[in-house]
Amino acid sequence: MPLLAPARRPAIFVDRDGVLNVNRPDYVKSPAEVEFIPGALAAVARATRAGWPVVVITNQSIIGRGLVTAASVAEINALIEQQIEAAGGRLAGVYVCPHAPTQVCDCRKPLPGLLHQAAEALGLDLSASVMIGDAVSDAQAGLAAGTRAILVSSGRGVHLPPDLAAAGLAQVPVLADLDAAINYWLAAAPDQ
């Protein structure tokens, strides 16, 4: 008798800078520079309590540009994960593209490589998942991977183009922040 593959589960993918923590114009280069967006930690905790795996998908070109080491970014991510856990939430994973924009890779958003990596490693159903971000490239990566997408106007979201249809994102809702996006998704998502 053939073995059945385990059922895949849906997830909530989130961008890091501008969604979980404040996006700095000079990049977040150390744990001391992490400042959480109000409501973000509680939002992740709410998603965790509702049974949703939360996965961070983040471009960190500061590594490829030589501004910080991969170890420094790992320290920042560890602090973010600790603070999320202290607030009652949990991250299922953190996936980082270390490449500069000029480097060729398949993991830098808007490409969907990191979402595919996470789905494979964590057994996730992309078609029942959502990508929440503050940039057009976040939504494009999610849609390219087969998820739904939500944009937030925190972080770089304050600079979203007025015509999202021109970027192929006419059906993507734009909400205030991660707190509002998680509320929206938990109310609208299909049962898992």
C-alpha atoms as a PDB file:
ATOM      1  CA  MET A   1       0.000   0.000   0.000  1.00  0.00           C
ATOM      2  CA  PRO A   2       1.533   3.399  -0.959  1.00  0.00           C
ATOM      3  CA  LEU A   3       2.174   5.884   1.803  1.00  0.00           C
ATOM      4  CA  LEU A   4       0.112   9.045   1.671  1.00  0.00           C
ATOM      5  CA  ALA A   5       1.941  12.332   1.789  1.00  0.00           C
ATOM      6  CA  PRO A   6       1.107  14.373   4.880  1.00  0.00           C
ATOM      7  CA  ALA A   7      -1.536  17.023   4.332  1.00  0.00           C
ATOM      8  CA  ARG A   8      -0.124  20.453   3.666  1.00  0.00           C
ATOM      9  CA  ARG A   9      -1.365  23.330   5.810  1.00  0.00           C
ATOM     10  CA  PRO A  10      -1.924  26.981   4.926  1.00  0.00           C
ATOM     11  CA  ALA A  11       0.274  29.715   6.376  1.00  0.00           C
ATOM     12  CA  ILE A  12       0.582  33.443   6.819  1.00  0.00           C
ATOM     13  CA  PHE A  13       3.763  34.784   5.211  1.00  0.00           C
ATOM     14  CA  VAL A  14       4.908  38.227   6.350  1.00  0.00           C
ATOM     15  CA  ASP A  15       7.602  40.609   5.251  1.00  0.00           C
ATOM     16  CA  ARG A  16       9.865  41.808   8.077  1.00  0.00           C
ATOM     17  CA  ASP A  17      10.899  45.475   7.774  1.00  0.00           C
ATOM     18  CA  GLY A  18       7.887  47.744   7.506  1.00  0.00           C
ATOM     19  CA  VAL A  19       5.456  45.012   8.562  1.00  0.00           C
ATOM     20  CA  LEU A  20       6.773  43.584  11.840  1.00  0.00           C
ATOM     21  CA  ASN A  21       9.313  46.269  12.642  1.00  0.00           C
ATOM     22  CA  VAL A  22       9.939  49.830  11.548  1.00  0.00           C
ATOM     23  CA  ASN A  23      11.661  50.109   8.167  1.00  0.00           C
ATOM     24  CA  ARG A  24      14.712  52.362   8.530  1.00  0.00           C
ATOM     25  CA  PRO A  25      16.007  54.340   5.529  1.00  0.00           C
ATOM     26  CA  ASP A  26      19.541  53.252   6.510  1.00  0.00           C
ATOM     27  CA  TYR A  27      18.443  49.605   7.067  1.00  0.00           C
ATOM     28  CA  VAL A  28      18.058  47.692  10.323  1.00  0.00           C
ATOM     29  CA  LYS A  29      21.696  46.775  10.980  1.00  0.00           C
ATOM     30  CA  SER A  30      21.665  45.542  14.575  1.00  0.00           C
ATOM     31  CA  PRO A  31      19.256  44.255  17.227  1.00  0.00           C
ATOM     32  CA  ALA A  32      19.451  47.681  18.918  1.00  0.00           C
ATOM     33  CA  GLU A  33      17.815  49.241  15.834  1.00  0.00           C
ATOM     34  CA  VAL A  34      14.726  46.987  15.929  1.00  0.00           C
ATOM     35  CA  GLU A  35      11.565  48.938  16.744  1.00  0.00           C
ATOM     36  CA  PHE A  36       8.302  47.035  16.454  1.00  0.00           C
ATOM     37  CA  ILE A  37       5.295  48.514  14.675  1.00  0.00           C
ATOM     38  CA  PRO A  38       2.470  48.946  17.209  1.00  0.00           C
ATOM     39  CA  GLY A  39       0.182  45.924  17.250  1.00  0.00           C
ATOM     40  CA  ALA A  40       2.513  43.681  15.216  1.00  0.00           C
ATOM     41  CA  LEU A  41       3.546  41.376  18.060  1.00  0.00           C
ATOM     42  CA  ALA A  42      -0.052  40.962  19.226  1.00  0.00           C
ATOM     43  CA  ALA A  43      -1.134  40.242  15.643  1.00  0.00           C
ATOM     44  CA  VAL A  44       1.362  37.392  15.290  1.00  0.00           C
ATOM     45  CA  ALA A  45       0.232  36.039  18.675  1.00  0.00           C
ATOM     46  CA  ARG A  46      -3.403  36.142  17.498  1.00  0.00           C
ATOM     47  CA  ALA A  47      -2.517  34.234  14.311  1.00  0.00           C
ATOM     48  CA  THR A  48      -0.569  31.675  16.354  1.00  0.00           C
ATOM     49  CA  ARG A  49      -3.495  31.139  18.731  1.00  0.00           C
ATOM     50  CA  ALA A  50      -5.767  30.642  15.706  1.00  0.00           C
ATOM     51  CA  GLY A  51      -3.479  27.826  14.529  1.00  0.00           C
ATOM     52  CA  TRP A  52      -1.785  29.590  11.613  1.00  0.00           C
ATOM     53  CA  PRO A  53       1.933  29.064  10.996  1.00  0.00           C
ATOM     54  CA  VAL A  54       3.550  32.488  10.521  1.00  0.00           C
ATOM     55  CA  VAL A  55       6.631  32.617   8.288  1.00  0.00           C
ATOM     56  CA  VAL A  56       8.865  35.647   7.714  1.00  0.00           C
ATOM     57  CA  ILE A  57       9.976  36.191   4.109  1.00  0.00           C
ATOM     58  CA  THR A  58      12.523  39.015   3.881  1.00  0.00           C
ATOM     59  CA  ASN A  59      14.922  40.556   1.379  1.00  0.00           C
ATOM     60  CA  GLN A  60      18.082  41.573   3.208  1.00  0.00           C
ATOM     61  CA  SER A  61      20.256  43.076   0.481  1.00  0.00           C
ATOM     62  CA  ILE A  62      22.401  44.652   3.194  1.00  0.00           C
ATOM     63  CA  ILE A  63      24.214  41.301   3.334  1.00  0.00           C
ATOM     64  CA  GLY A  64      24.937  41.246  -0.410  1.00  0.00           C
ATOM     65  CA  ARG A  65      25.897  44.924  -0.320  1.00  0.00           C
ATOM     66  CA  GLY A  66      28.469  44.158   2.388  1.00  0.00           C
ATOM     67  CA  LEU A  67      26.874  46.472   4.987  1.00  0.00           C
ATOM     68  CA  VAL A  68      26.341  43.693   7.566  1.00  0.00           C
ATOM     69  CA  THR A  69      27.106  40.002   7.872  1.00  0.00           C
ATOM     70  CA  ALA A  70      24.615  37.176   7.607  1.00  0.00           C
ATOM     71  CA  ALA A  71      25.343  36.543  11.298  1.00  0.00           C
ATOM     72  CA  SER A  72      24.199  40.098  12.149  1.00  0.00           C
ATOM     73  CA  VAL A  73      20.927  39.573  10.285  1.00  0.00           C
ATOM     74  CA  ALA A  74      20.490  36.240  12.107  1.00  0.00           C
ATOM     75  CA  GLU A  75      20.918  38.093  15.449  1.00  0.00           C
ATOM     76  CA  ILE A  76      18.255  40.616  14.420  1.00  0.00           C
ATOM     77  CA  ASN A  77      15.903  37.812  13.392  1.00  0.00           C
ATOM     78  CA  ALA A  78      16.562  35.961  16.670  1.00  0.00           C
ATOM     79  CA  LEU A  79      15.606  39.084  18.651  1.00  0.00           C
ATOM     80  CA  ILE A  80      12.423  39.488  16.607  1.00  0.00           C
ATOM     81  CA  GLU A  81      11.554  35.839  17.178  1.00  0.00           C
ATOM     82  CA  GLN A  82      12.201  36.150  20.935  1.00  0.00           C
ATOM     83  CA  GLN A  83       9.967  39.209  21.202  1.00  0.00           C
ATOM     84  CA  ILE A  84       7.206  37.479  19.242  1.00  0.00           C
ATOM     85  CA  GLU A  85       7.413  34.486  21.593  1.00  0.00           C
ATOM     86  CA  ALA A  86       7.382  36.777  24.650  1.00  0.00           C
ATOM     87  CA  ALA A  87       4.122  38.253  23.296  1.00  0.00           C
ATOM     88  CA  GLY A  88       2.581  34.775  22.935  1.00  0.00           C
ATOM     89  CA  GLY A  89       3.272  34.204  19.237  1.00  0.00           C
ATOM     90  CA  ARG A  90       5.518  31.868  17.306  1.00  0.00           C
ATOM     91  CA  LEU A  91       7.302  31.930  13.977  1.00  0.00           C
ATOM     92  CA  ALA A  92       7.340  28.713  11.968  1.00  0.00           C
ATOM     93  CA  GLY A  93      10.393  29.972  10.084  1.00  0.00           C
ATOM     94  CA  VAL A  94      12.404  32.927   8.833  1.00  0.00           C
ATOM     95  CA  TYR A  95      13.594  32.899   5.225  1.00  0.00           C
ATOM     96  CA  VAL A  96      16.138  35.475   4.073  1.00  0.00           C
ATOM     97  CA  CYS A  97      17.322  36.507   0.616  1.00  0.00           C
ATOM     98  CA  PRO A  98      20.868  37.813   1.214  1.00  0.00           C
ATOM     99  CA  HIS A  99      21.440  38.996  -2.346  1.00  0.00           C
ATOM    100  CA  ALA A 100      21.950  42.532  -3.586  1.00  0.00           C
ATOM    101  CA  PRO A 101      19.528  43.673  -6.313  1.00  0.00           C
ATOM    102  CA  THR A 102      22.267  43.252  -8.944  1.00  0.00           C
ATOM    103  CA  GLN A 103      22.893  39.607  -8.049  1.00  0.00           C
ATOM    104  CA  VAL A 104      21.020  36.887  -9.900  1.00  0.00           C
ATOM    105  CA  CYS A 105      18.912  34.643  -7.665  1.00  0.00           C
ATOM    106  CA  ASP A 106      15.417  33.193  -7.478  1.00  0.00           C
ATOM    107  CA  CYS A 107      14.789  34.204  -3.872  1.00  0.00           C
ATOM    108  CA  ARG A 108      14.713  38.012  -4.024  1.00  0.00           C
ATOM    109  CA  LYS A 109      11.128  39.247  -3.988  1.00  0.00           C
ATOM    110  CA  PRO A 110       9.240  39.783  -6.299  1.00  0.00           C
ATOM    111  CA  LEU A 111      10.441  36.287  -7.248  1.00  0.00           C
ATOM    112  CA  PRO A 112       8.746  33.523  -5.250  1.00  0.00           C
ATOM    113  CA  GLY A 113      11.797  31.392  -4.379  1.00  0.00           C
ATOM    114  CA  LEU A 114      11.677  31.945  -0.609  1.00  0.00           C
ATOM    115  CA  LEU A 115       7.978  31.088  -0.442  1.00  0.00           C
ATOM    116  CA  HIS A 116       8.623  27.872  -2.372  1.00  0.00           C
ATOM    117  CA  GLN A 117      11.535  27.005  -0.040  1.00  0.00           C
ATOM    118  CA  ALA A 118       9.366  27.552   3.025  1.00  0.00           C
ATOM    119  CA  ALA A 119       6.456  25.578   1.581  1.00  0.00           C
ATOM    120  CA  GLU A 120       8.703  22.623   0.811  1.00  0.00           C
ATOM    121  CA  ALA A 121      10.527  22.666   4.165  1.00  0.00           C
ATOM    122  CA  LEU A 122       7.444  23.257   6.328  1.00  0.00           C
ATOM    123  CA  GLY A 123       4.787  21.346   4.371  1.00  0.00           C
ATOM    124  CA  LEU A 124       2.706  24.415   3.503  1.00  0.00           C
ATOM    125  CA  ASP A 125      -0.173  24.787   1.053  1.00  0.00           C
ATOM    126  CA  LEU A 126       0.608  27.955  -0.876  1.00  0.00           C
ATOM    127  CA  SER A 127      -2.814  28.056  -2.568  1.00  0.00           C
ATOM    128  CA  ALA A 128      -4.536  28.477   0.821  1.00  0.00           C
ATOM    129  CA  SER A 129      -1.954  30.914   2.227  1.00  0.00           C
ATOM    130  CA  VAL A 130      -1.442  34.672   2.205  1.00  0.00           C
ATOM    131  CA  MET A 131       1.588  36.962   1.834  1.00  0.00           C
ATOM    132  CA  ILE A 132       1.405  40.225   3.808  1.00  0.00           C
ATOM    133  CA  GLY A 133       3.846  42.968   2.889  1.00  0.00           C
ATOM    134  CA  ASP A 134       4.412  46.684   2.580  1.00  0.00           C
ATOM    135  CA  ALA A 135       5.797  46.739  -0.980  1.00  0.00           C
ATOM    136  CA  VAL A 136       4.490  45.811  -4.410  1.00  0.00           C
ATOM    137  CA  SER A 137       7.291  43.226  -4.640  1.00  0.00           C
ATOM    138  CA  ASP A 138       5.900  41.432  -1.551  1.00  0.00           C
ATOM    139  CA  ALA A 139       2.465  41.045  -3.128  1.00  0.00           C
ATOM    140  CA  GLN A 140       3.975  40.053  -6.474  1.00  0.00           C
ATOM    141  CA  ALA A 141       6.075  37.332  -4.808  1.00  0.00           C
ATOM    142  CA  GLY A 142       3.037  35.952  -3.019  1.00  0.00           C
ATOM    143  CA  LEU A 143       0.894  35.916  -6.124  1.00  0.00           C
ATOM    144  CA  ALA A 144       3.721  34.340  -8.160  1.00  0.00           C
ATOM    145  CA  ALA A 145       3.925  31.568  -5.559  1.00  0.00           C
ATOM    146  CA  GLY A 146       0.161  31.013  -5.706  1.00  0.00           C
ATOM    147  CA  THR A 147      -0.836  32.673  -2.423  1.00  0.00           C
ATOM    148  CA  ARG A 148      -3.244  35.511  -1.903  1.00  0.00           C
ATOM    149  CA  ALA A 149      -1.749  38.875  -0.973  1.00  0.00           C
ATOM    150  CA  ILE A 150      -2.437  41.769   1.365  1.00  0.00           C
ATOM    151  CA  LEU A 151      -0.533  45.040   1.394  1.00  0.00           C
ATOM    152  CA  VAL A 152      -0.159  47.261   4.428  1.00  0.00           C
ATOM    153  CA  SER A 153       0.436  51.000   4.449  1.00  0.00           C
ATOM    154  CA  SER A 154       2.957  50.820   7.285  1.00  0.00           C
ATOM    155  CA  GLY A 155       6.635  50.929   6.327  1.00  0.00           C
ATOM    156  CA  ARG A 156       7.165  51.443   2.606  1.00  0.00           C
ATOM    157  CA  GLY A 157       3.426  50.986   2.172  1.00  0.00           C
ATOM    158  CA  VAL A 158       2.998  54.740   2.546  1.00  0.00           C
ATOM    159  CA  HIS A 159       4.590  54.939  -0.926  1.00  0.00           C
ATOM    160  CA  LEU A 160       2.416  52.354  -2.680  1.00  0.00           C
ATOM    161  CA  PRO A 161       1.447  53.445  -6.191  1.00  0.00           C
ATOM    162  CA  PRO A 162      -2.087  54.835  -6.389  1.00  0.00           C
ATOM    163  CA  ASP A 163      -2.885  52.486  -9.284  1.00  0.00           C
ATOM    164  CA  LEU A 164      -2.147  48.962  -8.082  1.00  0.00           C
ATOM    165  CA  ALA A 165      -3.943  47.610 -11.155  1.00  0.00           C
ATOM    166  CA  ALA A 166      -1.001  48.767 -13.283  1.00  0.00           C
ATOM    167  CA  ALA A 167       1.216  46.434 -11.224  1.00  0.00           C
ATOM    168  CA  GLY A 168      -1.282  43.566 -11.639  1.00  0.00           C
ATOM    169  CA  LEU A 169      -2.521  43.979  -8.080  1.00  0.00           C
ATOM    170  CA  ALA A 170      -6.052  45.305  -8.567  1.00  0.00           C
ATOM    171  CA  GLN A 171      -7.574  42.659  -6.261  1.00  0.00           C
ATOM    172  CA  VAL A 172      -5.026  43.074  -3.451  1.00  0.00           C
ATOM    173  CA  PRO A 173      -6.482  44.804  -0.378  1.00  0.00           C
ATOM    174  CA  VAL A 174      -4.454  47.573   1.268  1.00  0.00           C
ATOM    175  CA  LEU A 175      -4.876  47.790   5.040  1.00  0.00           C
ATOM    176  CA  ALA A 176      -3.300  49.971   7.714  1.00  0.00           C
ATOM    177  CA  ASP A 177      -0.864  47.538   9.299  1.00  0.00           C
ATOM    178  CA  LEU A 178      -0.184  43.917  10.235  1.00  0.00           C
ATOM    179  CA  ASP A 179      -2.770  44.032  13.015  1.00  0.00           C
ATOM    180  CA  ALA A 180      -5.500  44.996  10.530  1.00  0.00           C
ATOM    181  CA  ALA A 181      -4.214  42.503   7.941  1.00  0.00           C
ATOM    182  CA  ILE A 182      -4.268  39.573  10.389  1.00  0.00           C
ATOM    183  CA  ASN A 183      -7.795  40.529  11.521  1.00  0.00           C
ATOM    184  CA  TYR A 184      -8.911  40.688   7.886  1.00  0.00           C
ATOM    185  CA  TRP A 185      -7.300  37.351   6.994  1.00  0.00           C
ATOM    186  CA  LEU A 186      -8.611  35.475  10.024  1.00  0.00           C
ATOM    187  CA  ALA A 187     -12.132  36.695   9.209  1.00  0.00           C
ATOM    188  CA  ALA A 188     -11.918  36.026   5.452  1.00  0.00           C
ATOM    189  CA  ALA A 189      -9.656  32.969   5.131  1.00  0.00           C
ATOM    190  CA  PRO A 190     -11.020  29.555   4.332  1.00  0.00           C
ATOM    191  CA  ASP A 191     -11.045  27.180   7.290  1.00  0.00           C
ATOM    192  CA  GLN A 192      -7.780  25.327   7.636  1.00  0.00           C
END
